[in-house]
Amino acid sequence: MPSISRRSALQLATAGALSRSALAQPAIGKGTTLTISTWGGVTSDGLRDHLAPEFEKLTGAKLAYDIGGLGARYNKLLAQKGNQSVDVFFGTDESIVGGLRKEVLQTADLKAVPNYADLYDWAKTVKAPDGQVSLVANTLISYCLAYNPEKVTTPPTAWADMWNPDFAGKLAFAAPGHSMMPGFVILAAELAGGSATNVDPGFDKLGKLRPDKLTFFWTDWAPLLKTGDTIAASEFDYYLESMKAQGYPIDYIFPAEKAFGAAEGACLVADTKNKELGEAFLNLIIDPKIQAVFAEKLYQGPTNKKVMPTASVAAKMSYGEDKLKKIRFFDPVFWYENRPAWTERLTTEVVPSWKVR
């Protein structure tokens, strides 16, 4: 049998749907640990339970996790530039744009991520040079408007309903630093007669909102839902489906103005010493068999066109033509370039008018 390079072996190991080629021997990564920067909760649990075993079988390498919120993990990347402690970074498309510009993230070799060819076009939101790939989006999730059906007699139908007096002081809402907050700046501006390039009306509109809790994660407001202090909230659909499964009194809508779509995924960290293993990991997270498991277990919409969930599974996540018509995608570059100024205005002009916990 002719000898093959480490890169060729890794490509063979991850090509197709979890290939078990005789050439794909675990020894190629044996004794190596790939460290992943990711969210905690269902995200890290899903990686540990459903992806890590397959990754170890294919490469021989183990996964380690650096867990935290997106902002904290991104700032850690910046602080550790040139001496990173992680190999792969999970984030939103906007954070990947920023990481590439700040040179704390790097592109992968497209040939090492063959499953990328099977992704939907809407999942390819961050551009890369020819022959390279930046963000490998492994899920589509949507930011929606949730409510407690036991407390809300007239369910909301639109984002505009957040300004309904019935929700004043009982609304959990994205904090200024939340990944989806730029969407609300644009939305509020549009509701008030402005636009993405004329956001002054939006800040005035947001100042009239009356949230009772600013959040980054569903556990920030879930206890208040149980006590009845919060009756509505902005949140990601897959977290809301998880809450339903846990018995929380919750339902949600894709608002008339459309939910905010987030194609989330992973990117290689600059200067990683495990670039080829990282590329193997990126290819695996978009393998159709892995994506099918994440769809069924975690309610995360697949980005690979080869995944065909059942109707019952599809109904619980962002998937299919009907759902896509109700989802709005934003330009991650525009968000990245405007977020600092918008966050400062939110913090200094808007939040002081809110009476939040």
Foldseek 3Di string as FASTA:
>chain_A
DDDDDLLVLLLQCQPAFRDPDPSQQQVSQAPAEAEEEEEDDPVVVLCVPQPQVSLCRRHVYGYHYDYDFPVVVLVLLLVCVPNDPHWKYWDFLLSQVVCVVSQQFDWAFCSLQVLQVQFDPVLQQHDDPPRTHFFLFFFKKWWFKKFQVVQDVDDDAAPVCLLPPVQAQQEEEAALPAPCVLVQLQVQQVVQPHGNVGRPSSLVSLLSGAYAHHDRDPVRCQVVQVVVSHGMYIGILLVQLVVVVVPGRMDTYQHPVATEMTRIGMGTTPPDPPSSSVSSSSNSSLNQVSSLVCLQPRVTHGRGPVHDHDPVSCVRHQDDPVSVVRYDYDNSVSCNVCSVVSSVCCVPPRVVSYNYD
